[in-house]
Amino acid sequence: MKPVIAVILFALTCQLQAETLRIPIGQQEKTGEYLTTPATGVTKTHVKDTYGEPIKQSGPVGTPPIYTWVYNDFVVYFESDRVIHSVIKFTPKVKPTTPEELSGNS
């Protein structure tokens, strides 16, 4: 019985340590600093003529209608026929290794 108690006490006094390093997106290297995205206000036709067909299109959603076009490196959001925002996709420098990271739940 004494060895069991000793093992339990030893386990309780040991400190397990793990460190998670989180770097805010604003402090990460700008991978898309030379990547141009559509300017606010340009039309869907201009975006398609300049950047080609998107990989995926979705919408309309809501009122006014919001459309989303996905390209390899960025995503474009439209209100009706005009760009309201374009966002460069985040690409991590470190490849995910844990199941949580692989599923995007980290």
C-alpha atoms as a PDB file:
ATOM      1  CA  MET A   1       0.000   0.000   0.000  1.00  0.00           C
ATOM      2  CA  LYS A   2       2.864   2.382   0.821  1.00  0.00           C
ATOM      3  CA  PRO A   3       4.412   2.089  -2.691  1.00  0.00           C
ATOM      4  CA  VAL A   4       1.059   3.014  -4.266  1.00  0.00           C
ATOM      5  CA  ILE A   5       0.748   6.080  -2.052  1.00  0.00           C
ATOM      6  CA  ALA A   6       4.342   7.043  -2.847  1.00  0.00           C
ATOM      7  CA  VAL A   7       3.692   6.774  -6.597  1.00  0.00           C
ATOM      8  CA  ILE A   8       0.527   8.866  -6.294  1.00  0.00           C
ATOM      9  CA  LEU A   9       2.303  11.542  -4.252  1.00  0.00           C
ATOM     10  CA  PHE A  10       5.195  11.572  -6.717  1.00  0.00           C
ATOM     11  CA  ALA A  11       2.797  11.920  -9.658  1.00  0.00           C
ATOM     12  CA  LEU A  12       0.983  14.797  -7.961  1.00  0.00           C
ATOM     13  CA  THR A  13       4.198  16.684  -7.299  1.00  0.00           C
ATOM     14  CA  CYS A  14       5.568  16.326 -10.828  1.00  0.00           C
ATOM     15  CA  GLN A  15       4.782  19.216 -13.086  1.00  0.00           C
ATOM     16  CA  LEU A  16       3.971  18.477 -16.662  1.00  0.00           C
ATOM     17  CA  GLN A  17       4.708  21.425 -18.884  1.00  0.00           C
ATOM     18  CA  ALA A  18       3.753  22.226 -22.416  1.00  0.00           C
ATOM     19  CA  GLU A  19       4.065  25.474 -24.241  1.00  0.00           C
ATOM     20  CA  THR A  20       1.946  26.729 -27.088  1.00  0.00           C
ATOM     21  CA  LEU A  21       3.457  29.466 -29.187  1.00  0.00           C
ATOM     22  CA  ARG A  22       0.897  31.749 -30.775  1.00  0.00           C
ATOM     23  CA  ILE A  23       2.001  34.537 -33.080  1.00  0.00           C
ATOM     24  CA  PRO A  24      -0.613  37.168 -33.935  1.00  0.00           C
ATOM     25  CA  ILE A  25      -1.319  37.316 -37.659  1.00  0.00           C
ATOM     26  CA  GLY A  26      -0.165  40.936 -37.788  1.00  0.00           C
ATOM     27  CA  GLN A  27       3.304  39.866 -36.636  1.00  0.00           C
ATOM     28  CA  GLN A  28       3.678  36.971 -39.057  1.00  0.00           C
ATOM     29  CA  GLU A  29       5.629  37.355 -42.270  1.00  0.00           C
ATOM     30  CA  LYS A  30       3.587  38.933 -44.996  1.00  0.00           C
ATOM     31  CA  THR A  31       3.453  36.142 -47.579  1.00  0.00           C
ATOM     32  CA  GLY A  32       1.192  38.099 -49.884  1.00  0.00           C
ATOM     33  CA  GLU A  33       2.929  41.469 -49.896  1.00  0.00           C
ATOM     34  CA  TYR A  34       3.501  41.203 -53.664  1.00  0.00           C
ATOM     35  CA  LEU A  35       0.105  39.680 -54.355  1.00  0.00           C
ATOM     36  CA  THR A  36      -2.494  42.027 -55.794  1.00  0.00           C
ATOM     37  CA  THR A  37      -6.165  41.555 -55.048  1.00  0.00           C
ATOM     38  CA  PRO A  38      -9.214  43.229 -56.606  1.00  0.00           C
ATOM     39  CA  ALA A  39      -9.846  46.785 -55.437  1.00  0.00           C
ATOM     40  CA  THR A  40     -13.048  47.765 -53.690  1.00  0.00           C
ATOM     41  CA  GLY A  41     -15.728  48.850 -56.131  1.00  0.00           C
ATOM     42  CA  VAL A  42     -14.627  46.974 -59.262  1.00  0.00           C
ATOM     43  CA  THR A  43     -17.154  44.782 -61.036  1.00  0.00           C
ATOM     44  CA  LYS A  44     -17.393  40.991 -61.248  1.00  0.00           C
ATOM     45  CA  THR A  45     -16.594  41.251 -64.965  1.00  0.00           C
ATOM     46  CA  HIS A  46     -13.395  43.190 -64.252  1.00  0.00           C
ATOM     47  CA  VAL A  47     -12.343  40.652 -61.591  1.00  0.00           C
ATOM     48  CA  LYS A  48     -12.996  37.739 -63.951  1.00  0.00           C
ATOM     49  CA  ASP A  49     -11.136  39.463 -66.814  1.00  0.00           C
ATOM     50  CA  THR A  50      -8.145  40.252 -64.568  1.00  0.00           C
ATOM     51  CA  TYR A  51      -7.873  37.120 -62.394  1.00  0.00           C
ATOM     52  CA  GLY A  52      -9.723  34.484 -64.412  1.00  0.00           C
ATOM     53  CA  GLU A  53     -12.427  32.090 -63.288  1.00  0.00           C
ATOM     54  CA  PRO A  54     -12.612  31.513 -59.530  1.00  0.00           C
ATOM     55  CA  ILE A  55     -12.082  28.038 -58.093  1.00  0.00           C
ATOM     56  CA  LYS A  56     -15.410  28.287 -56.281  1.00  0.00           C
ATOM     57  CA  GLN A  57     -18.363  30.671 -56.322  1.00  0.00           C
ATOM     58  CA  SER A  58     -21.073  30.912 -53.686  1.00  0.00           C
ATOM     59  CA  GLY A  59     -24.059  33.148 -53.044  1.00  0.00           C
ATOM     60  CA  PRO A  60     -26.185  35.099 -53.081  1.00  0.00           C
ATOM     61  CA  VAL A  61     -26.681  35.258 -49.334  1.00  0.00           C
ATOM     62  CA  GLY A  62     -28.862  37.838 -47.586  1.00  0.00           C
ATOM     63  CA  THR A  63     -30.045  41.280 -48.564  1.00  0.00           C
ATOM     64  CA  PRO A  64     -28.240  42.961 -50.209  1.00  0.00           C
ATOM     65  CA  PRO A  65     -26.954  39.850 -51.969  1.00  0.00           C
ATOM     66  CA  ILE A  66     -23.398  38.898 -50.962  1.00  0.00           C
ATOM     67  CA  TYR A  67     -21.360  36.648 -53.253  1.00  0.00           C
ATOM     68  CA  THR A  68     -18.032  34.946 -52.520  1.00  0.00           C
ATOM     69  CA  TRP A  69     -15.444  33.988 -55.105  1.00  0.00           C
ATOM     70  CA  VAL A  70     -12.513  31.833 -54.026  1.00  0.00           C
ATOM     71  CA  TYR A  71      -9.177  31.944 -55.853  1.00  0.00           C
ATOM     72  CA  ASN A  72      -5.938  30.078 -55.051  1.00  0.00           C
ATOM     73  CA  ASP A  73      -4.421  32.850 -52.942  1.00  0.00           C
ATOM     74  CA  PHE A  74      -7.329  35.095 -51.992  1.00  0.00           C
ATOM     75  CA  VAL A  75     -11.095  35.379 -51.552  1.00  0.00           C
ATOM     76  CA  VAL A  76     -13.251  38.163 -53.011  1.00  0.00           C
ATOM     77  CA  TYR A  77     -16.552  39.311 -51.504  1.00  0.00           C
ATOM     78  CA  PHE A  78     -19.120  41.097 -53.657  1.00  0.00           C
ATOM     79  CA  GLU A  79     -22.246  43.040 -52.822  1.00  0.00           C
ATOM     80  CA  SER A  80     -24.408  42.539 -55.893  1.00  0.00           C
ATOM     81  CA  ASP A  81     -21.910  43.166 -58.744  1.00  0.00           C
ATOM     82  CA  ARG A  82     -19.226  45.177 -56.895  1.00  0.00           C
ATOM     83  CA  VAL A  83     -16.226  44.116 -54.775  1.00  0.00           C
ATOM     84  CA  ILE A  84     -16.662  45.057 -51.123  1.00  0.00           C
ATOM     85  CA  HIS A  85     -13.579  43.230 -49.782  1.00  0.00           C
ATOM     86  CA  SER A  86     -10.788  40.901 -50.821  1.00  0.00           C
ATOM     87  CA  VAL A  87      -8.718  38.852 -48.379  1.00  0.00           C
ATOM     88  CA  ILE A  88      -5.402  37.058 -48.877  1.00  0.00           C
ATOM     89  CA  LYS A  89      -5.619  33.480 -47.577  1.00  0.00           C
ATOM     90  CA  PHE A  90      -3.513  32.680 -44.534  1.00  0.00           C
ATOM     91  CA  THR A  91      -0.913  29.993 -45.155  1.00  0.00           C
ATOM     92  CA  PRO A  92       0.926  28.751 -42.044  1.00  0.00           C
ATOM     93  CA  LYS A  93       4.688  28.319 -42.281  1.00  0.00           C
ATOM     94  CA  VAL A  94       4.594  25.245 -40.058  1.00  0.00           C
ATOM     95  CA  LYS A  95       2.698  22.246 -41.318  1.00  0.00           C
ATOM     96  CA  PRO A  96       0.020  20.946 -38.916  1.00  0.00           C
ATOM     97  CA  THR A  97       0.994  17.800 -37.042  1.00  0.00           C
ATOM     98  CA  THR A  98      -1.611  17.141 -34.364  1.00  0.00           C
ATOM     99  CA  PRO A  99      -5.150  15.931 -35.107  1.00  0.00           C
ATOM    100  CA  GLU A 100      -6.513  19.248 -33.774  1.00  0.00           C
ATOM    101  CA  GLU A 101      -4.278  21.265 -36.083  1.00  0.00           C
ATOM    102  CA  LEU A 102      -5.131  19.052 -39.064  1.00  0.00           C
ATOM    103  CA  SER A 103      -8.861  19.567 -38.452  1.00  0.00           C
ATOM    104  CA  GLY A 104      -8.456  23.313 -37.902  1.00  0.00           C
ATOM    105  CA  ASN A 105      -9.638  23.192 -34.273  1.00  0.00           C
ATOM    106  CA  SER A 106      -6.430  24.408 -32.659  1.00  0.00           C
END
